[in-house]
């Protein structure tokens, strides 16, 4: 297995006026797996962990995979870079501002694909996938994070409700609306 060199996500914050001014952070490929079982097996074979709520999301019918291979450009921005100045902002407000600036929401497939294509993630880095939440079996909306908390590479879930308060220091991965994986809105 070879590791690709990817710039660290630890870049100094800059005010964002438009998504067009933000450079691509990383390009990944989606559509590499025939089904979610093959994807989960690849994560396991690579030694990547899956948290409980993330595992539930990957098993839900709403979690879909691209039918063909597509390169997806990811853009890394913090909620603070989107213009939020308080300590926290609601997920709905963060998504609305990101879309206003020209970013789009990614499909949930981006999380496990990024996990498999970003082995050099620094310890302590947690990246929230800007995505449409997927509901658990109990009906709780969840969004996914690709993380390295020090105990290894993992995908975890977090509260994906519109009113969930997110620290403005948190960093999100978005796509351009022209990407084939664009999803509209927050339910």
N, C-alpha and C. Protein backbone atom coordinates (compact mmCIF):
# COMPACT_ATOMS: atom_id res chain seq x y z
N UNK A 1 0.85 -1.17 0.00
CA UNK A 1 0.00 0.00 0.00
C UNK A 1 0.90 1.24 0.00
N UNK A 2 0.63 2.19 -0.87
CA UNK A 2 1.41 3.42 -0.91
C UNK A 2 0.58 4.57 -0.38
N UNK A 3 1.26 5.53 0.18
CA UNK A 3 0.59 6.70 0.74
C UNK A 3 0.81 7.89 -0.17
N UNK A 4 -0.26 8.59 -0.48
CA UNK A 4 -0.16 9.79 -1.28
C UNK A 4 0.17 10.96 -0.39
N UNK A 5 0.93 11.90 -0.91
CA UNK A 5 1.23 13.12 -0.17
C UNK A 5 0.07 14.10 -0.38
N UNK A 6 -0.56 14.49 0.70
CA UNK A 6 -1.66 15.46 0.65
C UNK A 6 -1.30 16.59 1.59
N UNK A 7 -1.54 17.84 1.18
CA UNK A 7 -1.24 18.93 2.08
C UNK A 7 -2.06 18.80 3.36
N UNK A 8 -1.47 19.19 4.45
CA UNK A 8 -2.17 19.14 5.73
C UNK A 8 -3.38 20.03 5.70
N UNK A 9 -4.41 19.61 6.43
CA UNK A 9 -5.61 20.44 6.54
C UNK A 9 -5.39 21.60 7.51
N UNK A 10 -4.23 21.65 8.15
CA UNK A 10 -3.92 22.71 9.10
C UNK A 10 -3.40 23.95 8.37
N UNK A 11 -4.31 24.68 7.77
CA UNK A 11 -3.95 25.91 7.07
C UNK A 11 -4.54 27.09 7.83
N UNK A 12 -3.88 28.24 7.80
CA UNK A 12 -4.42 29.38 8.55
C UNK A 12 -5.74 29.85 7.95
N UNK A 13 -6.68 30.27 8.82
CA UNK A 13 -7.98 30.72 8.32
C UNK A 13 -7.86 31.98 7.47
N UNK A 14 -8.63 32.00 6.41
CA UNK A 14 -8.72 33.19 5.56
C UNK A 14 -10.20 33.48 5.35
N UNK A 15 -10.56 34.75 5.26
CA UNK A 15 -11.97 35.06 5.01
C UNK A 15 -12.37 34.59 3.61
N UNK A 16 -13.50 33.94 3.52
CA UNK A 16 -13.97 33.42 2.23
C UNK A 16 -15.11 34.31 1.74
N UNK A 17 -14.96 34.79 0.52
CA UNK A 17 -16.01 35.60 -0.10
C UNK A 17 -16.74 34.81 -1.17
N UNK A 18 -16.07 33.76 -1.68
CA UNK A 18 -16.66 32.95 -2.74
C UNK A 18 -15.94 31.60 -2.78
N UNK A 19 -16.67 30.55 -3.07
CA UNK A 19 -16.06 29.22 -3.20
C UNK A 19 -15.03 29.20 -4.32
N UNK A 20 -15.20 30.05 -5.32
CA UNK A 20 -14.27 30.09 -6.45
C UNK A 20 -12.86 30.46 -6.01
N UNK A 21 -12.71 31.15 -4.89
CA UNK A 21 -11.40 31.57 -4.40
C UNK A 21 -10.70 30.52 -3.55
N UNK A 22 -11.39 29.43 -3.24
CA UNK A 22 -10.84 28.40 -2.36
C UNK A 22 -10.20 27.31 -3.21
N UNK A 23 -8.92 26.99 -2.94
CA UNK A 23 -8.27 25.94 -3.73
C UNK A 23 -8.79 24.55 -3.36
N UNK A 24 -8.65 23.64 -4.28
CA UNK A 24 -9.00 22.25 -4.03
C UNK A 24 -8.06 21.74 -2.94
N UNK A 25 -8.63 21.11 -1.92
CA UNK A 25 -7.82 20.54 -0.85
C UNK A 25 -7.32 19.15 -1.25
N UNK A 26 -8.22 18.34 -1.78
CA UNK A 26 -7.87 16.97 -2.18
C UNK A 26 -8.90 16.48 -3.19
N UNK A 27 -8.45 15.69 -4.15
CA UNK A 27 -9.34 15.03 -5.10
C UNK A 27 -9.36 13.54 -4.78
N UNK A 28 -10.56 12.99 -4.65
CA UNK A 28 -10.72 11.56 -4.40
C UNK A 28 -11.58 10.96 -5.50
N UNK A 29 -11.61 9.65 -5.54
CA UNK A 29 -12.45 8.95 -6.50
C UNK A 29 -13.54 8.20 -5.75
N UNK A 30 -14.77 8.35 -6.21
CA UNK A 30 -15.90 7.58 -5.68
C UNK A 30 -16.34 6.61 -6.76
N UNK A 31 -17.18 5.66 -6.39
CA UNK A 31 -17.67 4.69 -7.36
C UNK A 31 -16.74 3.51 -7.54
N UNK A 32 -15.87 3.27 -6.57
CA UNK A 32 -14.89 2.17 -6.67
C UNK A 32 -15.43 0.83 -6.22
N UNK A 33 -16.62 0.80 -5.62
CA UNK A 33 -17.14 -0.44 -5.04
C UNK A 33 -18.54 -0.74 -5.55
N UNK A 34 -18.82 -2.01 -5.72
CA UNK A 34 -20.11 -2.44 -6.25
C UNK A 34 -21.24 -2.28 -5.23
N UNK A 35 -20.88 -2.41 -3.94
CA UNK A 35 -21.90 -2.30 -2.90
C UNK A 35 -21.25 -1.87 -1.59
N UNK A 36 -22.09 -1.55 -0.61
CA UNK A 36 -21.57 -1.06 0.67
C UNK A 36 -20.82 -2.15 1.44
N UNK A 37 -21.17 -3.42 1.23
CA UNK A 37 -20.45 -4.51 1.90
C UNK A 37 -19.00 -4.55 1.45
N UNK A 38 -18.77 -4.40 0.14
CA UNK A 38 -17.40 -4.38 -0.39
C UNK A 38 -16.63 -3.18 0.15
N UNK A 39 -17.29 -2.04 0.27
CA UNK A 39 -16.66 -0.83 0.82
C UNK A 39 -16.28 -1.03 2.29
N UNK A 40 -17.19 -1.58 3.06
CA UNK A 40 -16.93 -1.83 4.49
C UNK A 40 -15.80 -2.85 4.65
N UNK A 41 -15.78 -3.87 3.80
CA UNK A 41 -14.70 -4.86 3.85
C UNK A 41 -13.35 -4.22 3.52
N UNK A 42 -13.33 -3.28 2.57
CA UNK A 42 -12.09 -2.58 2.22
C UNK A 42 -11.60 -1.72 3.39
N UNK A 43 -12.54 -1.07 4.09
CA UNK A 43 -12.17 -0.28 5.27
C UNK A 43 -11.56 -1.19 6.34
N UNK A 44 -12.18 -2.34 6.55
CA UNK A 44 -11.68 -3.30 7.53
C UNK A 44 -10.30 -3.81 7.14
N UNK A 45 -10.12 -4.16 5.88
CA UNK A 45 -8.84 -4.67 5.40
C UNK A 45 -7.73 -3.63 5.53
N UNK A 46 -8.08 -2.35 5.43
CA UNK A 46 -7.11 -1.27 5.54
C UNK A 46 -6.85 -0.87 6.99
N UNK A 47 -7.56 -1.50 7.92
CA UNK A 47 -7.37 -1.18 9.33
C UNK A 47 -8.07 0.08 9.78
N UNK A 48 -9.06 0.52 9.03
CA UNK A 48 -9.82 1.72 9.37
C UNK A 48 -11.03 1.33 10.20
N UNK A 49 -11.23 2.02 11.29
CA UNK A 49 -12.36 1.73 12.17
C UNK A 49 -13.60 2.50 11.74
N UNK A 50 -14.73 2.00 12.18
CA UNK A 50 -16.01 2.65 11.90
C UNK A 50 -16.75 2.74 13.23
N UNK A 51 -17.09 3.96 13.64
CA UNK A 51 -17.85 4.14 14.88
C UNK A 51 -19.26 3.57 14.74
N UNK A 52 -19.93 3.40 15.87
CA UNK A 52 -21.25 2.75 15.87
C UNK A 52 -22.27 3.47 14.98
N UNK A 53 -22.43 4.79 15.17
CA UNK A 53 -23.45 5.49 14.37
C UNK A 53 -23.03 5.57 12.91
N UNK A 54 -21.73 5.70 12.63
CA UNK A 54 -21.27 5.70 11.25
C UNK A 54 -21.53 4.34 10.60
N UNK A 55 -21.28 3.27 11.35
CA UNK A 55 -21.55 1.93 10.83
C UNK A 55 -23.01 1.74 10.51
N UNK A 56 -23.87 2.29 11.35
CA UNK A 56 -25.30 2.18 11.09
C UNK A 56 -25.67 2.94 9.82
N UNK A 57 -25.07 4.11 9.62
CA UNK A 57 -25.35 4.92 8.43
C UNK A 57 -24.90 4.18 7.17
N UNK A 58 -23.70 3.57 7.21
CA UNK A 58 -23.19 2.85 6.05
C UNK A 58 -24.07 1.65 5.68
N UNK A 59 -24.87 1.17 6.63
CA UNK A 59 -25.75 0.03 6.38
C UNK A 59 -27.17 0.44 6.00
N UNK A 60 -27.48 1.72 6.03
CA UNK A 60 -28.84 2.18 5.74
C UNK A 60 -29.09 2.21 4.23
N UNK A 61 -30.34 1.99 3.81
CA UNK A 61 -30.67 2.07 2.39
C UNK A 61 -30.41 3.46 1.80
N UNK A 62 -30.46 4.51 2.62
CA UNK A 62 -30.21 5.87 2.14
C UNK A 62 -28.74 6.10 1.79
N UNK A 63 -27.86 5.24 2.29
CA UNK A 63 -26.44 5.34 1.95
C UNK A 63 -26.25 4.66 0.60
N UNK A 64 -25.91 5.44 -0.41
CA UNK A 64 -25.77 4.89 -1.76
C UNK A 64 -24.36 5.13 -2.28
N UNK A 65 -23.99 4.33 -3.25
CA UNK A 65 -22.69 4.45 -3.90
C UNK A 65 -22.87 4.89 -5.34
N UNK A 66 -21.92 5.63 -5.83
CA UNK A 66 -21.94 6.04 -7.22
C UNK A 66 -21.84 4.81 -8.11
N UNK A 67 -22.62 4.79 -9.17
CA UNK A 67 -22.63 3.65 -10.10
C UNK A 67 -21.41 3.65 -11.02
N UNK A 68 -20.70 4.78 -11.12
CA UNK A 68 -19.49 4.83 -11.93
C UNK A 68 -18.42 5.62 -11.20
N UNK A 69 -17.18 5.39 -11.61
CA UNK A 69 -16.05 6.09 -10.99
C UNK A 69 -16.10 7.57 -11.39
N UNK A 70 -16.00 8.42 -10.36
CA UNK A 70 -16.03 9.87 -10.58
C UNK A 70 -14.98 10.48 -9.66
N UNK A 71 -14.17 11.39 -10.19
CA UNK A 71 -13.25 12.16 -9.36
C UNK A 71 -14.02 13.31 -8.73
N UNK A 72 -13.83 13.49 -7.43
CA UNK A 72 -14.54 14.52 -6.67
C UNK A 72 -13.51 15.43 -6.03
N UNK A 73 -13.61 16.71 -6.30
CA UNK A 73 -12.74 17.70 -5.68
C UNK A 73 -13.36 18.15 -4.36
N UNK A 74 -12.54 18.08 -3.30
CA UNK A 74 -13.00 18.47 -1.97
C UNK A 74 -12.38 19.81 -1.58
N UNK A 75 -13.18 20.62 -0.91
CA UNK A 75 -12.76 21.94 -0.47
C UNK A 75 -12.91 22.01 1.04
N UNK A 76 -11.84 22.37 1.73
CA UNK A 76 -11.79 22.37 3.18
C UNK A 76 -11.95 23.78 3.71
N UNK A 77 -12.99 24.01 4.51
CA UNK A 77 -13.22 25.32 5.13
C UNK A 77 -13.75 25.14 6.54
N UNK A 78 -13.39 26.07 7.41
CA UNK A 78 -13.95 26.06 8.76
C UNK A 78 -15.22 26.89 8.76
N UNK A 79 -16.05 26.68 9.77
CA UNK A 79 -17.25 27.50 9.91
C UNK A 79 -16.85 28.96 10.11
N UNK A 80 -15.73 29.21 10.81
CA UNK A 80 -15.25 30.58 11.00
C UNK A 80 -14.90 31.22 9.66
N UNK A 81 -14.28 30.46 8.76
CA UNK A 81 -13.94 30.99 7.43
C UNK A 81 -15.19 31.30 6.61
N UNK A 82 -16.29 30.67 6.96
CA UNK A 82 -17.55 30.95 6.27
C UNK A 82 -18.20 32.22 6.79
N UNK A 83 -17.62 32.80 7.84
CA UNK A 83 -18.11 34.08 8.34
C UNK A 83 -18.78 34.05 9.69
N UNK A 84 -18.80 32.91 10.37
CA UNK A 84 -19.43 32.83 11.68
C UNK A 84 -18.45 33.32 12.74
N UNK A 85 -18.93 34.21 13.62
CA UNK A 85 -18.05 34.83 14.60
C UNK A 85 -18.33 34.40 16.03
N UNK A 86 -19.48 33.79 16.30
CA UNK A 86 -19.76 33.28 17.63
C UNK A 86 -18.99 31.98 17.83
N UNK A 87 -19.08 31.40 19.02
CA UNK A 87 -18.38 30.15 19.29
C UNK A 87 -18.95 28.98 18.51
N UNK A 88 -20.26 28.99 18.27
CA UNK A 88 -20.92 27.92 17.56
C UNK A 88 -21.89 28.49 16.54
N UNK A 89 -22.30 27.63 15.61
CA UNK A 89 -23.32 27.96 14.63
C UNK A 89 -24.13 26.69 14.37
N UNK A 90 -25.38 26.85 13.97
CA UNK A 90 -26.19 25.67 13.69
C UNK A 90 -25.73 25.04 12.37
N UNK A 91 -25.92 23.75 12.28
CA UNK A 91 -25.54 23.04 11.06
C UNK A 91 -26.30 23.60 9.86
N UNK A 92 -27.58 23.92 10.05
CA UNK A 92 -28.37 24.49 8.95
C UNK A 92 -27.79 25.82 8.48
N UNK A 93 -27.37 26.67 9.42
CA UNK A 93 -26.78 27.97 9.06
C UNK A 93 -25.43 27.78 8.35
N UNK A 94 -24.64 26.83 8.81
CA UNK A 94 -23.34 26.56 8.17
C UNK A 94 -23.56 26.09 6.73
N UNK A 95 -24.49 25.16 6.54
CA UNK A 95 -24.78 24.67 5.19
C UNK A 95 -25.33 25.78 4.30
N UNK A 96 -26.23 26.58 4.83
CA UNK A 96 -26.82 27.67 4.04
C UNK A 96 -25.74 28.65 3.59
N UNK A 97 -24.85 29.01 4.51
CA UNK A 97 -23.78 29.96 4.18
C UNK A 97 -22.83 29.33 3.16
N UNK A 98 -22.48 28.07 3.34
CA UNK A 98 -21.59 27.40 2.38
C UNK A 98 -22.20 27.40 0.99
N UNK A 99 -23.49 27.09 0.91
CA UNK A 99 -24.16 27.07 -0.39
C UNK A 99 -24.27 28.48 -0.98
N UNK A 100 -24.49 29.46 -0.14
CA UNK A 100 -24.55 30.85 -0.60
C UNK A 100 -23.21 31.27 -1.23
N UNK A 101 -22.11 30.78 -0.67
CA UNK A 101 -20.78 31.11 -1.19
C UNK A 101 -20.39 30.29 -2.41
N UNK A 102 -21.18 29.27 -2.74
CA UNK A 102 -20.92 28.48 -3.95
C UNK A 102 -20.43 27.07 -3.72
N UNK A 103 -20.49 26.58 -2.47
CA UNK A 103 -20.13 25.20 -2.20
C UNK A 103 -21.37 24.32 -2.30
N UNK A 104 -21.16 23.03 -2.50
CA UNK A 104 -22.25 22.07 -2.52
C UNK A 104 -22.02 21.00 -1.48
N UNK A 105 -23.09 20.29 -1.15
CA UNK A 105 -22.99 19.17 -0.22
C UNK A 105 -22.56 17.92 -0.99
N UNK A 106 -21.72 17.12 -0.35
CA UNK A 106 -21.24 15.88 -0.94
C UNK A 106 -22.19 14.75 -0.60
N UNK A 107 -22.04 13.65 -1.29
CA UNK A 107 -22.78 12.45 -0.90
C UNK A 107 -22.08 11.81 0.29
N UNK A 108 -22.78 10.98 1.01
CA UNK A 108 -22.20 10.31 2.17
C UNK A 108 -21.05 9.38 1.77
N UNK A 109 -21.04 8.91 0.54
CA UNK A 109 -19.97 8.03 0.07
C UNK A 109 -18.59 8.68 0.18
N UNK A 110 -18.55 10.01 0.17
CA UNK A 110 -17.28 10.72 0.26
C UNK A 110 -16.54 10.34 1.55
N UNK A 111 -17.25 10.14 2.65
CA UNK A 111 -16.58 9.84 3.93
C UNK A 111 -15.76 8.54 3.87
N UNK A 112 -16.36 7.40 3.55
CA UNK A 112 -15.54 6.18 3.52
C UNK A 112 -14.51 6.19 2.40
N UNK A 113 -14.83 6.81 1.28
CA UNK A 113 -13.85 6.88 0.19
C UNK A 113 -12.66 7.73 0.61
N UNK A 114 -12.92 8.87 1.27
CA UNK A 114 -11.82 9.70 1.76
C UNK A 114 -11.00 8.93 2.79
N UNK A 115 -11.69 8.20 3.67
CA UNK A 115 -10.96 7.44 4.69
C UNK A 115 -9.98 6.48 4.03
N UNK A 116 -10.38 5.85 2.93
CA UNK A 116 -9.52 4.91 2.22
C UNK A 116 -8.44 5.59 1.39
N UNK A 117 -8.61 6.87 1.11
CA UNK A 117 -7.67 7.59 0.25
C UNK A 117 -6.90 8.68 1.00
N UNK A 118 -6.96 8.66 2.34
CA UNK A 118 -6.28 9.67 3.14
C UNK A 118 -5.68 9.02 4.39
N UNK A 119 -4.70 8.14 4.17
CA UNK A 119 -4.06 7.43 5.27
C UNK A 119 -3.09 8.30 6.05
N UNK A 120 -2.63 9.39 5.45
CA UNK A 120 -1.65 10.25 6.10
C UNK A 120 -2.30 11.34 6.96
N UNK A 121 -3.54 11.17 7.34
CA UNK A 121 -4.23 12.16 8.15
C UNK A 121 -3.51 12.38 9.48
N UNK A 122 -3.23 13.65 9.82
CA UNK A 122 -2.54 13.93 11.08
C UNK A 122 -3.38 13.57 12.30
N UNK A 123 -2.70 13.18 13.37
CA UNK A 123 -3.39 12.90 14.64
C UNK A 123 -4.05 14.18 15.13
N UNK A 124 -5.28 14.04 15.58
CA UNK A 124 -6.04 15.18 16.10
C UNK A 124 -6.90 15.87 15.07
N UNK A 125 -6.85 15.42 13.83
CA UNK A 125 -7.64 16.06 12.77
C UNK A 125 -8.99 15.35 12.62
N UNK A 126 -10.06 16.14 12.67
CA UNK A 126 -11.43 15.66 12.48
C UNK A 126 -12.03 16.50 11.36
N UNK A 127 -12.47 15.87 10.28
CA UNK A 127 -13.04 16.58 9.14
C UNK A 127 -14.49 16.15 8.97
N UNK A 128 -15.39 17.13 9.05
CA UNK A 128 -16.82 16.87 8.91
C UNK A 128 -17.17 16.90 7.43
N UNK A 129 -17.86 15.89 6.98
CA UNK A 129 -18.32 15.86 5.59
C UNK A 129 -19.58 16.70 5.50
N UNK A 130 -19.53 17.74 4.68
CA UNK A 130 -20.73 18.55 4.43
C UNK A 130 -21.66 17.71 3.56
N UNK A 131 -22.64 17.09 4.19
CA UNK A 131 -23.49 16.11 3.50
C UNK A 131 -24.92 16.19 4.01
N UNK A 132 -25.81 15.68 3.24
CA UNK A 132 -27.20 15.51 3.68
C UNK A 132 -27.19 14.46 4.79
N UNK A 133 -27.76 14.76 5.95
CA UNK A 133 -27.79 13.75 7.02
C UNK A 133 -28.57 12.50 6.59
N UNK A 134 -28.16 11.38 7.15
CA UNK A 134 -28.87 10.12 6.96
C UNK A 134 -29.40 9.72 8.32
N UNK A 135 -30.64 9.26 8.35
CA UNK A 135 -31.27 8.91 9.62
C UNK A 135 -30.92 7.49 10.05
N UNK A 136 -30.68 7.35 11.36
CA UNK A 136 -30.45 6.04 11.95
C UNK A 136 -31.77 5.27 11.96
N UNK A 137 -31.70 4.02 12.41
CA UNK A 137 -32.92 3.21 12.51
C UNK A 137 -33.91 3.86 13.47
N UNK A 138 -33.43 4.62 14.43
CA UNK A 138 -34.30 5.31 15.39
C UNK A 138 -34.77 6.67 14.88
N UNK A 139 -34.33 7.07 13.69
CA UNK A 139 -34.76 8.33 13.10
C UNK A 139 -33.89 9.53 13.42
N UNK A 140 -32.72 9.32 14.04
CA UNK A 140 -31.82 10.41 14.38
C UNK A 140 -30.94 10.75 13.18
N UNK A 141 -30.91 12.03 12.75
CA UNK A 141 -30.06 12.40 11.61
C UNK A 141 -28.58 12.42 12.00
N UNK A 142 -27.75 11.83 11.16
CA UNK A 142 -26.31 11.73 11.43
C UNK A 142 -25.54 12.18 10.19
N UNK A 143 -24.44 12.92 10.43
CA UNK A 143 -23.48 13.23 9.38
C UNK A 143 -22.16 12.55 9.77
N UNK A 144 -21.25 12.43 8.81
CA UNK A 144 -20.03 11.65 9.03
C UNK A 144 -18.79 12.53 9.15
N UNK A 145 -17.84 12.04 9.91
CA UNK A 145 -16.52 12.66 10.11
C UNK A 145 -15.45 11.65 9.71
N UNK A 146 -14.39 12.13 9.10
CA UNK A 146 -13.21 11.32 8.85
C UNK A 146 -12.17 11.85 9.83
N UNK A 147 -11.67 10.96 10.70
CA UNK A 147 -10.87 11.42 11.82
C UNK A 147 -9.67 10.54 12.11
N UNK A 148 -8.71 11.17 12.81
CA UNK A 148 -7.59 10.47 13.40
C UNK A 148 -7.42 11.04 14.80
N UNK A 149 -8.07 10.41 15.76
CA UNK A 149 -8.03 10.90 17.13
C UNK A 149 -6.83 10.41 17.91
N UNK A 150 -5.93 9.69 17.28
CA UNK A 150 -4.74 9.19 17.94
C UNK A 150 -4.77 7.68 18.14
N UNK A 151 -5.94 7.09 18.10
CA UNK A 151 -6.06 5.64 18.27
C UNK A 151 -6.18 4.94 16.91
N UNK A 152 -6.02 5.69 15.84
CA UNK A 152 -6.12 5.13 14.50
C UNK A 152 -7.10 5.89 13.63
N UNK A 153 -7.15 5.49 12.39
CA UNK A 153 -8.02 6.14 11.41
C UNK A 153 -9.44 5.61 11.57
N UNK A 154 -10.41 6.52 11.53
CA UNK A 154 -11.79 6.14 11.83
C UNK A 154 -12.77 7.02 11.08
N UNK A 155 -13.96 6.48 10.88
CA UNK A 155 -15.12 7.26 10.43
C UNK A 155 -16.09 7.25 11.60
N UNK A 156 -16.54 8.43 12.00
CA UNK A 156 -17.50 8.53 13.09
C UNK A 156 -18.69 9.35 12.65
N UNK A 157 -19.79 9.20 13.36
CA UNK A 157 -20.98 9.97 13.09
C UNK A 157 -21.17 11.03 14.17
N UNK A 158 -21.93 12.05 13.83
CA UNK A 158 -22.29 13.08 14.80
C UNK A 158 -23.68 13.59 14.48
N UNK A 159 -24.25 14.33 15.41
CA UNK A 159 -25.59 14.88 15.26
C UNK A 159 -25.69 15.66 13.95
N UNK A 160 -26.62 15.26 13.11
CA UNK A 160 -26.81 15.92 11.83
C UNK A 160 -28.12 16.69 11.76
N UNK A 161 -28.71 16.99 12.93
CA UNK A 161 -29.96 17.75 12.91
C UNK A 161 -29.67 19.20 12.54
N UNK A 162 -30.64 19.85 11.93
CA UNK A 162 -30.48 21.22 11.45
C UNK A 162 -30.07 22.17 12.57
N UNK A 163 -30.55 21.93 13.79
CA UNK A 163 -30.26 22.83 14.91
C UNK A 163 -29.00 22.45 15.68
N UNK A 164 -28.30 21.38 15.30
CA UNK A 164 -27.08 20.96 16.00
C UNK A 164 -26.09 22.12 16.00
N UNK A 165 -25.53 22.42 17.17
CA UNK A 165 -24.56 23.50 17.29
C UNK A 165 -23.16 22.95 17.07
N UNK A 166 -22.44 23.56 16.13
CA UNK A 166 -21.11 23.12 15.73
C UNK A 166 -20.12 24.24 16.06
N UNK A 167 -18.99 23.89 16.65
CA UNK A 167 -17.95 24.87 16.92
C UNK A 167 -17.49 25.49 15.60
N UNK A 168 -17.28 26.81 15.59
CA UNK A 168 -16.85 27.46 14.36
C UNK A 168 -15.42 27.10 14.00
N UNK A 169 -14.69 26.47 14.93
CA UNK A 169 -13.34 26.00 14.62
C UNK A 169 -13.37 24.70 13.81
N UNK A 170 -14.50 24.01 13.80
CA UNK A 170 -14.62 22.75 13.05
C UNK A 170 -14.48 23.00 11.57
N UNK A 171 -13.87 22.01 10.89
CA UNK A 171 -13.64 22.13 9.46
C UNK A 171 -14.51 21.15 8.70
N UNK A 172 -15.06 21.64 7.60
CA UNK A 172 -15.98 20.89 6.75
C UNK A 172 -15.35 20.65 5.39
N UNK A 173 -15.75 19.55 4.77
CA UNK A 173 -15.40 19.29 3.38
C UNK A 173 -16.65 19.42 2.54
N UNK A 174 -16.56 20.28 1.54
CA UNK A 174 -17.65 20.52 0.60
C UNK A 174 -17.16 20.22 -0.81
N UNK A 175 -18.07 20.21 -1.77
CA UNK A 175 -17.77 20.05 -3.19
C UNK A 175 -18.28 21.28 -3.92
N UNK A 176 -17.99 21.35 -5.19
CA UNK A 176 -18.59 22.38 -6.04
C UNK A 176 -19.97 21.88 -6.46
N UNK A 177 -20.94 22.77 -6.63
CA UNK A 177 -22.28 22.33 -7.04
C UNK A 177 -22.29 21.60 -8.38
N UNK A 178 -21.28 21.82 -9.20
CA UNK A 178 -21.23 21.15 -10.51
C UNK A 178 -20.78 19.71 -10.42
N UNK A 179 -20.27 19.29 -9.24
CA UNK A 179 -19.84 17.90 -9.07
C UNK A 179 -21.04 16.96 -9.20
N UNK A 180 -20.82 15.80 -9.75
CA UNK A 180 -21.89 14.82 -9.93
C UNK A 180 -22.46 14.34 -8.61
N UNK A 181 -21.74 14.57 -7.50
CA UNK A 181 -22.19 14.08 -6.20
C UNK A 181 -22.94 15.14 -5.41
N UNK A 182 -23.31 16.26 -6.04
CA UNK A 182 -23.97 17.34 -5.32
C UNK A 182 -25.36 16.91 -4.82
N UNK A 183 -25.66 17.28 -3.61
CA UNK A 183 -26.95 17.02 -3.00
C UNK A 183 -27.49 18.36 -2.51
N UNK A 184 -28.74 18.66 -2.76
CA UNK A 184 -29.33 19.93 -2.33
C UNK A 184 -29.90 19.86 -0.93
N UNK A 185 -29.66 20.94 -0.16
CA UNK A 185 -30.39 21.23 1.07
C UNK A 185 -30.14 20.36 2.28
N UNK A 186 -30.73 20.79 3.36
CA UNK A 186 -30.69 20.10 4.64
C UNK A 186 -32.12 19.83 5.06
N UNK A 187 -32.45 18.60 5.32
CA UNK A 187 -33.82 18.24 5.67
C UNK A 187 -34.08 18.47 7.13
